Amino acid sequence: MSGESAVLISDITKRYTMPTPVWERVTKRSESGRSLAALDGIDLDVRRGETLALVGESGSGKSTLAKILVGSVAPSSGELRYDGEPMPVPRGKDLTRRIQMVFQDPYSSLNPRISVRSLLSELLLLHRIVPRRQVRTECVRLLNLVGLDDDALDAYPSQFSGGQRQRIAIARALAVRPDVLIADEPVSALDVSVQATILDLFTSLQEELGLTILFIAHNLAVVQHLSQRVAVMYLGRIVEVADTDEIFANPQHPYTQSLIASIPPHVG
C-alpha cells in the first residue's frame, strides 16, 4: 500500500430539496425549497492499494457518498479527484470502468433473466477488455477468481445461494478491471455463516489484484480484520479517521466509542 491518493474527496456536500406539504403552500406558512443535507462537507483520502472502511449507522450518508463516487449521483458542491485529476460529471466510459461498485443485495443487482455467461460477456465486449475469441476464457478466469467453477457460466442468478450470488456480483465488478472497488454493505444481506467467506474473498482479491477498496458497513466488527484504516461517518460528516488498530485501541469521538461498545464481547 502506498501513501498516494487513488480518490480524493474534498468538501463534498449533497442536499435534496424537500417537497412542501400542500397545506403549507395553500396557507403560505412555509417557503418552498427547503433542503435536507445528506452529506455535509465530506473530506476523505482513499489511498491506492488500501482497504478503507467507511462505517456508520443507516442514514448517515454512506450510500449517498458511494453513489457520488461511482457517478450515479452528482454532488451539490465540492470536488472529487481520481489519480490527481478532477472527476467530471457525467463520467466518460474509461473513468466509469475504473471505479466499480458491489451492491448490498446481490439478487436485486443481478438481472435474473440473463445467464452468468451473458452478464460477464456483455461487459467484456462493451469495454473491449479481451478479444471476442477470448471471452469465455476470461469469464472462467473471473469465476475462478471469486471461488466459483466454470459450470456456473450457463446458470442463472436464481440457481445460486446468496453467497454465490454475491461472488458473481463481485466477478461482474471485476470484469472491467477496475482500480477502485466500492463495496456498499456487501455482506449485510447474507447469512452470518456466509459473511466471513465473503470478507475473506475481499481480502484475497485486494492482495492478489492490488485493488483499492472502499468497504462500507454499519458494523465496526465486520471491518476489524479487513481494513487498514477506518473512517467513521455520523449525520453526513466524517467524525474520525484512523488506522484500524488505533480506532479500536483509542477511539476519539463519542460516536466511535459507542460503535465499539456495541460490539458483542465474543466478536473480534
C-alpha atoms as a PDB file:
ATOM      1  CA  MET A   1       0.000   0.000   0.000  1.00  0.00           C
ATOM      2  CA  SER A   2       1.352   3.421  -0.946  1.00  0.00           C
ATOM      3  CA  GLY A   3       0.504   6.806   0.516  1.00  0.00           C
ATOM      4  CA  GLU A   4      -0.690   8.088  -2.852  1.00  0.00           C
ATOM      5  CA  SER A   5      -4.321   9.057  -3.263  1.00  0.00           C
ATOM      6  CA  ALA A   6      -6.477   6.971  -5.553  1.00  0.00           C
ATOM      7  CA  VAL A   7      -9.573   9.052  -4.824  1.00  0.00           C
ATOM      8  CA  LEU A   8      -9.512  12.396  -3.046  1.00  0.00           C
ATOM      9  CA  ILE A   9     -12.815  13.733  -1.722  1.00  0.00           C
ATOM     10  CA  SER A  10     -12.816  17.440  -0.836  1.00  0.00           C
ATOM     11  CA  ASP A  11     -15.693  19.256   0.898  1.00  0.00           C
ATOM     12  CA  ILE A  12     -18.394  17.191  -0.813  1.00  0.00           C
ATOM     13  CA  THR A  13     -21.973  18.106   0.022  1.00  0.00           C
ATOM     14  CA  LYS A  14     -25.262  16.692  -1.150  1.00  0.00           C
ATOM     15  CA  ARG A  15     -28.568  18.407  -0.499  1.00  0.00           C
ATOM     16  CA  TYR A  16     -32.005  17.217  -1.514  1.00  0.00           C
ATOM     17  CA  THR A  17     -34.883  19.655  -1.937  1.00  0.00           C
ATOM     18  CA  MET A  18     -37.826  18.630   0.199  1.00  0.00           C
ATOM     19  CA  PRO A  19     -41.360  18.957  -1.145  1.00  0.00           C
ATOM     20  CA  THR A  20     -43.541  21.476   0.660  1.00  0.00           C
ATOM     21  CA  PRO A  21     -46.777  19.990   2.049  1.00  0.00           C
ATOM     22  CA  VAL A  22     -49.911  21.143   0.240  1.00  0.00           C
ATOM     23  CA  TRP A  23     -51.425  22.739   3.320  1.00  0.00           C
ATOM     24  CA  GLU A  24     -48.299  24.852   3.849  1.00  0.00           C
ATOM     25  CA  ARG A  25     -48.347  26.006   0.236  1.00  0.00           C
ATOM     26  CA  VAL A  26     -52.016  26.932   0.485  1.00  0.00           C
ATOM     27  CA  THR A  27     -51.627  28.804   3.769  1.00  0.00           C
ATOM     28  CA  LYS A  28     -48.246  30.229   2.705  1.00  0.00           C
ATOM     29  CA  ARG A  29     -46.806  29.229   6.055  1.00  0.00           C
ATOM     30  CA  SER A  30     -43.618  27.898   4.519  1.00  0.00           C
ATOM     31  CA  GLU A  31     -41.263  28.948   1.769  1.00  0.00           C
ATOM     32  CA  SER A  32     -40.515  26.470  -0.995  1.00  0.00           C
ATOM     33  CA  GLY A  33     -37.093  24.973  -1.490  1.00  0.00           C
ATOM     34  CA  ARG A  34     -36.379  23.554   1.938  1.00  0.00           C
ATOM     35  CA  SER A  35     -33.482  21.108   1.732  1.00  0.00           C
ATOM     36  CA  LEU A  36     -32.079  18.128   3.553  1.00  0.00           C
ATOM     37  CA  ALA A  37     -28.310  17.747   3.861  1.00  0.00           C
ATOM     38  CA  ALA A  38     -27.354  14.112   3.218  1.00  0.00           C
ATOM     39  CA  LEU A  39     -23.640  14.987   3.111  1.00  0.00           C
ATOM     40  CA  ASP A  40     -22.192  17.996   4.861  1.00  0.00           C
ATOM     41  CA  GLY A  41     -18.614  18.774   3.855  1.00  0.00           C
ATOM     42  CA  ILE A  42     -17.009  15.346   3.386  1.00  0.00           C
ATOM     43  CA  ASP A  43     -13.201  15.215   3.224  1.00  0.00           C
ATOM     44  CA  LEU A  44     -11.656  11.799   2.684  1.00  0.00           C
ATOM     45  CA  ASP A  45      -8.493  10.418   1.115  1.00  0.00           C
ATOM     46  CA  VAL A  46      -8.746   6.872  -0.253  1.00  0.00           C
ATOM     47  CA  ARG A  47      -5.162   5.689  -0.674  1.00  0.00           C
ATOM     48  CA  ARG A  48      -4.027   3.489  -3.504  1.00  0.00           C
ATOM     49  CA  GLY A  49      -3.868  -0.198  -2.609  1.00  0.00           C
ATOM     50  CA  GLU A  50      -5.614   0.053   0.759  1.00  0.00           C
ATOM     51  CA  THR A  51      -8.890  -1.206   2.127  1.00  0.00           C
ATOM     52  CA  LEU A  52     -10.560   1.763   3.796  1.00  0.00           C
ATOM     53  CA  ALA A  53     -13.685   1.023   5.819  1.00  0.00           C
ATOM     54  CA  LEU A  54     -16.444   3.635   5.923  1.00  0.00           C
ATOM     55  CA  VAL A  55     -18.588   2.896   8.947  1.00  0.00           C
ATOM     56  CA  GLY A  56     -21.774   4.491  10.255  1.00  0.00           C
ATOM     57  CA  GLU A  57     -25.399   3.803  11.051  1.00  0.00           C
ATOM     58  CA  SER A  58     -28.149   3.683   8.435  1.00  0.00           C
ATOM     59  CA  GLY A  59     -28.994   7.173   7.215  1.00  0.00           C
ATOM     60  CA  SER A  60     -25.547   8.609   7.917  1.00  0.00           C
ATOM     61  CA  GLY A  61     -24.893   9.229   4.202  1.00  0.00           C
ATOM     62  CA  LYS A  62     -22.573   6.332   3.372  1.00  0.00           C
ATOM     63  CA  SER A  63     -24.513   5.063   0.374  1.00  0.00           C
ATOM     64  CA  THR A  64     -25.031   8.590  -0.939  1.00  0.00           C
ATOM     65  CA  LEU A  65     -21.275   9.091  -0.934  1.00  0.00           C
ATOM     66  CA  ALA A  66     -20.795   5.741  -2.702  1.00  0.00           C
ATOM     67  CA  LYS A  67     -23.217   6.744  -5.455  1.00  0.00           C
ATOM     68  CA  ILE A  68     -21.398  10.035  -5.912  1.00  0.00           C
ATOM     69  CA  LEU A  69     -18.084   8.203  -6.217  1.00  0.00           C
ATOM     70  CA  VAL A  70     -19.355   5.917  -8.989  1.00  0.00           C
ATOM     71  CA  GLY A  71     -21.025   8.833 -10.768  1.00  0.00           C
ATOM     72  CA  SER A  72     -24.680   7.815 -10.448  1.00  0.00           C
ATOM     73  CA  VAL A  73     -25.425  10.855  -8.247  1.00  0.00           C
ATOM     74  CA  ALA A  74     -23.936  14.333  -8.658  1.00  0.00           C
ATOM     75  CA  PRO A  75     -22.724  16.218  -5.579  1.00  0.00           C
ATOM     76  CA  SER A  76     -24.230  19.600  -4.732  1.00  0.00           C
ATOM     77  CA  SER A  77     -20.760  21.048  -4.200  1.00  0.00           C
ATOM     78  CA  GLY A  78     -17.175  20.044  -3.578  1.00  0.00           C
ATOM     79  CA  GLU A  79     -14.561  18.252  -5.651  1.00  0.00           C
ATOM     80  CA  LEU A  80     -13.609  14.675  -6.465  1.00  0.00           C
ATOM     81  CA  ARG A  81     -10.224  13.713  -7.878  1.00  0.00           C
ATOM     82  CA  TYR A  82      -9.051  10.396  -9.271  1.00  0.00           C
ATOM     83  CA  ASP A  83      -5.274   9.993  -9.646  1.00  0.00           C
ATOM     84  CA  GLY A  84      -4.985  13.727  -9.071  1.00  0.00           C
ATOM     85  CA  GLU A  85      -7.349  14.674 -11.906  1.00  0.00           C
ATOM     86  CA  PRO A  86     -10.865  16.130 -11.442  1.00  0.00           C
ATOM     87  CA  MET A  87     -13.684  13.651 -11.959  1.00  0.00           C
ATOM     88  CA  PRO A  88     -16.204  15.178 -14.384  1.00  0.00           C
ATOM     89  CA  VAL A  89     -19.981  14.793 -14.334  1.00  0.00           C
ATOM     90  CA  PRO A  90     -21.059  12.874 -16.323  1.00  0.00           C
ATOM     91  CA  ARG A  91     -18.187  10.383 -16.412  1.00  0.00           C
ATOM     92  CA  GLY A  92     -16.519   9.057 -19.536  1.00  0.00           C
ATOM     93  CA  LYS A  93     -16.501   5.303 -20.155  1.00  0.00           C
ATOM     94  CA  ASP A  94     -12.874   4.873 -19.098  1.00  0.00           C
ATOM     95  CA  LEU A  95     -13.332   6.553 -15.721  1.00  0.00           C
ATOM     96  CA  THR A  96     -16.590   4.674 -15.176  1.00  0.00           C
ATOM     97  CA  ARG A  97     -14.692   1.435 -15.729  1.00  0.00           C
ATOM     98  CA  ARG A  98     -12.003   2.306 -13.210  1.00  0.00           C
ATOM     99  CA  ILE A  99     -14.377   2.742 -10.254  1.00  0.00           C
ATOM    100  CA  GLN A 100     -16.872  -0.080  -9.764  1.00  0.00           C
ATOM    101  CA  MET A 101     -19.422  -0.922  -7.072  1.00  0.00           C
ATOM    102  CA  VAL A 102     -20.598  -4.118  -5.401  1.00  0.00           C
ATOM    103  CA  PHE A 103     -24.096  -3.621  -4.001  1.00  0.00           C
ATOM    104  CA  GLN A 104     -25.727  -4.791  -0.788  1.00  0.00           C
ATOM    105  CA  ASP A 105     -28.297  -7.176  -2.253  1.00  0.00           C
ATOM    106  CA  PRO A 106     -26.730  -9.469  -4.879  1.00  0.00           C
ATOM    107  CA  TYR A 107     -30.082 -10.768  -6.108  1.00  0.00           C
ATOM    108  CA  SER A 108     -31.592  -7.378  -6.944  1.00  0.00           C
ATOM    109  CA  SER A 109     -28.330  -6.191  -8.507  1.00  0.00           C
ATOM    110  CA  LEU A 110     -28.207  -9.106 -10.969  1.00  0.00           C
ATOM    111  CA  ASN A 111     -30.567  -9.417 -13.918  1.00  0.00           C
ATOM    112  CA  PRO A 112     -32.465 -12.685 -13.285  1.00  0.00           C
ATOM    113  CA  ARG A 113     -33.225 -13.117 -16.988  1.00  0.00           C
ATOM    114  CA  ILE A 114     -29.669 -13.486 -18.216  1.00  0.00           C
ATOM    115  CA  SER A 115     -27.076 -16.146 -17.511  1.00  0.00           C
ATOM    116  CA  VAL A 116     -23.775 -15.586 -15.770  1.00  0.00           C
ATOM    117  CA  ARG A 117     -22.015 -16.023 -19.116  1.00  0.00           C
ATOM    118  CA  SER A 118     -24.101 -13.235 -20.671  1.00  0.00           C
ATOM    119  CA  LEU A 119     -23.728 -10.731 -17.842  1.00  0.00           C
ATOM    120  CA  LEU A 120     -19.945 -11.113 -17.858  1.00  0.00           C
ATOM    121  CA  SER A 121     -19.576 -11.314 -21.657  1.00  0.00           C
ATOM    122  CA  GLU A 122     -21.550  -8.123 -22.254  1.00  0.00           C
ATOM    123  CA  LEU A 123     -19.174  -6.122 -20.074  1.00  0.00           C
ATOM    124  CA  LEU A 124     -16.049  -7.685 -21.539  1.00  0.00           C
ATOM    125  CA  LEU A 125     -17.175  -6.845 -25.084  1.00  0.00           C
ATOM    126  CA  LEU A 126     -18.573  -3.394 -24.276  1.00  0.00           C
ATOM    127  CA  HIS A 127     -15.319  -2.258 -22.695  1.00  0.00           C
ATOM    128  CA  ARG A 128     -13.128  -4.269 -25.092  1.00  0.00           C
ATOM    129  CA  ILE A 129     -11.336  -5.966 -22.231  1.00  0.00           C
ATOM    130  CA  VAL A 130     -10.378  -9.014 -24.319  1.00  0.00           C
ATOM    131  CA  PRO A 131     -10.885 -10.074 -27.960  1.00  0.00           C
ATOM    132  CA  ARG A 132     -14.158 -11.892 -28.653  1.00  0.00           C
ATOM    133  CA  ARG A 133     -12.395 -15.242 -29.067  1.00  0.00           C
ATOM    134  CA  GLN A 134     -11.034 -14.953 -25.505  1.00  0.00           C
ATOM    135  CA  VAL A 135     -14.305 -14.002 -23.813  1.00  0.00           C
ATOM    136  CA  ARG A 136     -15.164 -17.464 -22.493  1.00  0.00           C
ATOM    137  CA  THR A 137     -11.670 -17.967 -21.103  1.00  0.00           C
ATOM    138  CA  GLU A 138     -11.858 -14.607 -19.352  1.00  0.00           C
ATOM    139  CA  CYS A 139     -15.303 -15.426 -17.936  1.00  0.00           C
ATOM    140  CA  VAL A 140     -13.922 -18.642 -16.464  1.00  0.00           C
ATOM    141  CA  ARG A 141     -10.939 -16.777 -15.026  1.00  0.00           C
ATOM    142  CA  LEU A 142     -13.251 -14.281 -13.317  1.00  0.00           C
ATOM    143  CA  LEU A 143     -15.393 -17.037 -11.824  1.00  0.00           C
ATOM    144  CA  ASN A 144     -12.329 -18.887 -10.563  1.00  0.00           C
ATOM    145  CA  LEU A 145     -11.035 -15.643  -9.080  1.00  0.00           C
ATOM    146  CA  VAL A 146     -14.118 -15.392  -6.843  1.00  0.00           C
ATOM    147  CA  GLY A 147     -14.155 -19.091  -5.981  1.00  0.00           C
ATOM    148  CA  LEU A 148     -16.696 -20.433  -8.497  1.00  0.00           C
ATOM    149  CA  ASP A 149     -16.309 -23.145 -11.129  1.00  0.00           C
ATOM    150  CA  ASP A 150     -16.899 -22.751 -14.853  1.00  0.00           C
ATOM    151  CA  ASP A 151     -20.130 -24.769 -14.670  1.00  0.00           C
ATOM    152  CA  ALA A 152     -21.704 -21.611 -13.256  1.00  0.00           C
ATOM    153  CA  LEU A 153     -21.446 -19.925 -16.677  1.00  0.00           C
ATOM    154  CA  ASP A 154     -24.755 -21.138 -18.059  1.00  0.00           C
ATOM    155  CA  ALA A 155     -26.731 -20.870 -14.826  1.00  0.00           C
ATOM    156  CA  TYR A 156     -28.999 -18.003 -13.757  1.00  0.00           C
ATOM    157  CA  PRO A 157     -28.904 -15.929 -10.535  1.00  0.00           C
ATOM    158  CA  SER A 158     -31.905 -17.737  -9.023  1.00  0.00           C
ATOM    159  CA  GLN A 159     -29.972 -21.006  -9.105  1.00  0.00           C
ATOM    160  CA  PHE A 160     -27.356 -19.783  -6.642  1.00  0.00           C
ATOM    161  CA  SER A 161     -27.239 -19.184  -2.903  1.00  0.00           C
ATOM    162  CA  GLY A 162     -26.909 -15.653  -1.530  1.00  0.00           C
ATOM    163  CA  GLY A 163     -23.178 -16.019  -1.013  1.00  0.00           C
ATOM    164  CA  GLN A 164     -22.667 -17.397  -4.509  1.00  0.00           C
ATOM    165  CA  ARG A 165     -24.712 -14.546  -5.999  1.00  0.00           C
ATOM    166  CA  GLN A 166     -22.506 -12.036  -4.216  1.00  0.00           C
ATOM    167  CA  ARG A 167     -19.447 -13.767  -5.647  1.00  0.00           C
ATOM    168  CA  ILE A 168     -20.974 -13.392  -9.122  1.00  0.00           C
ATOM    169  CA  ALA A 169     -21.673  -9.706  -8.431  1.00  0.00           C
ATOM    170  CA  ILE A 170     -18.034  -9.266  -7.416  1.00  0.00           C
ATOM    171  CA  ALA A 171     -16.887 -11.055 -10.590  1.00  0.00           C
ATOM    172  CA  ARG A 172     -19.059  -8.707 -12.642  1.00  0.00           C
ATOM    173  CA  ALA A 173     -17.483  -5.666 -10.959  1.00  0.00           C
ATOM    174  CA  LEU A 174     -14.007  -7.089 -11.609  1.00  0.00           C
ATOM    175  CA  ALA A 175     -14.762  -7.901 -15.259  1.00  0.00           C
ATOM    176  CA  VAL A 176     -13.843  -4.401 -16.439  1.00  0.00           C
ATOM    177  CA  ARG A 177     -10.584  -4.469 -14.460  1.00  0.00           C
ATOM    178  CA  PRO A 178     -11.240  -1.548 -12.092  1.00  0.00           C
ATOM    179  CA  ASP A 179      -8.653   0.150  -9.937  1.00  0.00           C
ATOM    180  CA  VAL A 180     -11.122   1.059  -7.191  1.00  0.00           C
ATOM    181  CA  LEU A 181     -13.854  -1.197  -5.825  1.00  0.00           C
ATOM    182  CA  ILE A 182     -16.613   0.269  -3.680  1.00  0.00           C
ATOM    183  CA  ALA A 183     -18.387  -2.377  -1.619  1.00  0.00           C
ATOM    184  CA  ASP A 184     -21.651  -0.988  -0.233  1.00  0.00           C
ATOM    185  CA  GLU A 185     -22.708  -3.187   2.710  1.00  0.00           C
ATOM    186  CA  PRO A 186     -21.852  -6.310   0.651  1.00  0.00           C
ATOM    187  CA  VAL A 187     -22.377  -8.822   3.478  1.00  0.00           C
ATOM    188  CA  SER A 188     -25.318  -7.341   5.392  1.00  0.00           C
ATOM    189  CA  ALA A 189     -27.898  -9.239   3.286  1.00  0.00           C
ATOM    190  CA  LEU A 190     -26.097 -12.567   3.764  1.00  0.00           C
ATOM    191  CA  ASP A 191     -26.357 -15.225   6.448  1.00  0.00           C
ATOM    192  CA  VAL A 192     -23.853 -14.795   9.242  1.00  0.00           C
ATOM    193  CA  SER A 193     -22.294 -18.144   8.321  1.00  0.00           C
ATOM    194  CA  VAL A 194     -21.543 -16.832   4.805  1.00  0.00           C
ATOM    195  CA  GLN A 195     -20.334 -13.346   5.716  1.00  0.00           C
ATOM    196  CA  ALA A 196     -16.856 -14.457   6.796  1.00  0.00           C
ATOM    197  CA  THR A 197     -16.177 -16.214   3.486  1.00  0.00           C
ATOM    198  CA  ILE A 198     -17.075 -13.088   1.502  1.00  0.00           C
ATOM    199  CA  LEU A 199     -14.923 -10.919   3.774  1.00  0.00           C
ATOM    200  CA  ASP A 200     -12.031 -13.331   3.239  1.00  0.00           C
ATOM    201  CA  LEU A 201     -12.639 -13.067  -0.516  1.00  0.00           C
ATOM    202  CA  PHE A 202     -12.295  -9.277  -0.417  1.00  0.00           C
ATOM    203  CA  THR A 203      -9.038  -9.626   1.500  1.00  0.00           C
ATOM    204  CA  SER A 204      -7.578 -12.097  -1.001  1.00  0.00           C
ATOM    205  CA  LEU A 205      -8.712 -10.010  -4.001  1.00  0.00           C
ATOM    206  CA  GLN A 206      -7.137  -6.882  -2.550  1.00  0.00           C
ATOM    207  CA  GLU A 207      -3.854  -8.710  -2.061  1.00  0.00           C
ATOM    208  CA  GLU A 208      -3.873 -10.538  -5.394  1.00  0.00           C
ATOM    209  CA  LEU A 209      -5.051  -7.698  -7.646  1.00  0.00           C
ATOM    210  CA  GLY A 210      -3.738  -4.681  -5.745  1.00  0.00           C
ATOM    211  CA  LEU A 211      -7.223  -3.190  -5.628  1.00  0.00           C
ATOM    212  CA  THR A 212      -8.141  -0.071  -3.739  1.00  0.00           C
ATOM    213  CA  ILE A 213     -11.283  -0.924  -1.762  1.00  0.00           C
ATOM    214  CA  LEU A 214     -13.739   1.366  -0.008  1.00  0.00           C
ATOM    215  CA  PHE A 215     -15.710  -1.037   2.179  1.00  0.00           C
ATOM    216  CA  ILE A 216     -18.946   0.404   3.550  1.00  0.00           C
ATOM    217  CA  ALA A 217     -20.501  -1.117   6.665  1.00  0.00           C
ATOM    218  CA  HIS A 218     -22.632  -0.177   9.653  1.00  0.00           C
ATOM    219  CA  ASN A 219     -20.824  -2.548  11.978  1.00  0.00           C
ATOM    220  CA  LEU A 220     -17.229  -1.987  13.091  1.00  0.00           C
ATOM    221  CA  ALA A 221     -16.830  -5.670  13.936  1.00  0.00           C
ATOM    222  CA  VAL A 222     -17.259  -6.565  10.249  1.00  0.00           C
ATOM    223  CA  VAL A 223     -14.268  -4.490   9.155  1.00  0.00           C
ATOM    224  CA  GLN A 224     -11.926  -5.044  12.081  1.00  0.00           C
ATOM    225  CA  HIS A 225      -9.768  -7.635  10.310  1.00  0.00           C
ATOM    226  CA  LEU A 226     -10.401  -6.415   6.767  1.00  0.00           C
ATOM    227  CA  SER A 227      -9.376  -2.765   6.625  1.00  0.00           C
ATOM    228  CA  GLN A 228      -6.141  -0.910   7.150  1.00  0.00           C
ATOM    229  CA  ARG A 229      -7.943   2.327   8.046  1.00  0.00           C
ATOM    230  CA  VAL A 230     -11.423   3.259   9.239  1.00  0.00           C
ATOM    231  CA  ALA A 231     -13.438   6.419   8.583  1.00  0.00           C
ATOM    232  CA  VAL A 232     -16.411   6.902  10.889  1.00  0.00           C
ATOM    233  CA  MET A 233     -19.433   8.738   9.480  1.00  0.00           C
ATOM    234  CA  TYR A 234     -22.176  10.364  11.533  1.00  0.00           C
ATOM    235  CA  LEU A 235     -25.056  12.535  10.303  1.00  0.00           C
ATOM    236  CA  GLY A 236     -23.454  13.292   6.950  1.00  0.00           C
ATOM    237  CA  ARG A 237     -19.993  14.073   8.310  1.00  0.00           C
ATOM    238  CA  ILE A 238     -16.719  12.213   8.767  1.00  0.00           C
ATOM    239  CA  VAL A 239     -16.084  12.463  12.509  1.00  0.00           C
ATOM    240  CA  GLU A 240     -12.940  10.322  12.818  1.00  0.00           C
ATOM    241  CA  VAL A 241     -10.336   8.679  10.557  1.00  0.00           C
ATOM    242  CA  ALA A 242      -7.510   6.498  11.852  1.00  0.00           C
ATOM    243  CA  ASP A 243      -5.662   3.237  11.368  1.00  0.00           C
ATOM    244  CA  THR A 244      -7.887   0.309  12.289  1.00  0.00           C
ATOM    245  CA  ASP A 245      -5.801  -0.746  15.298  1.00  0.00           C
ATOM    246  CA  GLU A 246      -5.810   2.831  16.576  1.00  0.00           C
ATOM    247  CA  ILE A 247      -9.574   3.172  16.204  1.00  0.00           C
ATOM    248  CA  PHE A 248     -10.173   0.092  18.341  1.00  0.00           C
ATOM    249  CA  ALA A 249      -7.466   0.879  20.883  1.00  0.00           C
ATOM    250  CA  ASN A 250      -8.103   4.597  21.293  1.00  0.00           C
ATOM    251  CA  PRO A 251     -11.359   5.873  19.743  1.00  0.00           C
ATOM    252  CA  GLN A 252     -11.618   9.649  19.988  1.00  0.00           C
ATOM    253  CA  HIS A 253     -15.169  10.560  19.009  1.00  0.00           C
ATOM    254  CA  PRO A 254     -18.098   9.611  21.289  1.00  0.00           C
ATOM    255  CA  TYR A 255     -19.934   8.034  18.345  1.00  0.00           C
ATOM    256  CA  THR A 256     -16.933   5.820  17.541  1.00  0.00           C
ATOM    257  CA  GLN A 257     -16.762   4.850  21.190  1.00  0.00           C
ATOM    258  CA  SER A 258     -20.435   3.851  21.143  1.00  0.00           C
ATOM    259  CA  LEU A 259     -19.927   1.733  17.987  1.00  0.00           C
ATOM    260  CA  ILE A 260     -17.081  -0.154  19.627  1.00  0.00           C
ATOM    261  CA  ALA A 261     -19.009  -0.546  22.881  1.00  0.00           C
ATOM    262  CA  SER A 262     -21.882  -2.157  20.948  1.00  0.00           C
ATOM    263  CA  ILE A 263     -19.706  -4.992  19.609  1.00  0.00           C
ATOM    264  CA  PRO A 264     -20.516  -8.249  21.449  1.00  0.00           C
ATOM    265  CA  PRO A 265     -17.563  -9.415  23.587  1.00  0.00           C
ATOM    266  CA  HIS A 266     -17.105 -12.634  21.571  1.00  0.00           C
ATOM    267  CA  VAL A 267     -16.790 -10.737  18.258  1.00  0.00           C
ATOM    268  CA  GLY A 268     -13.304  -9.834  17.036  1.00  0.00           C
END
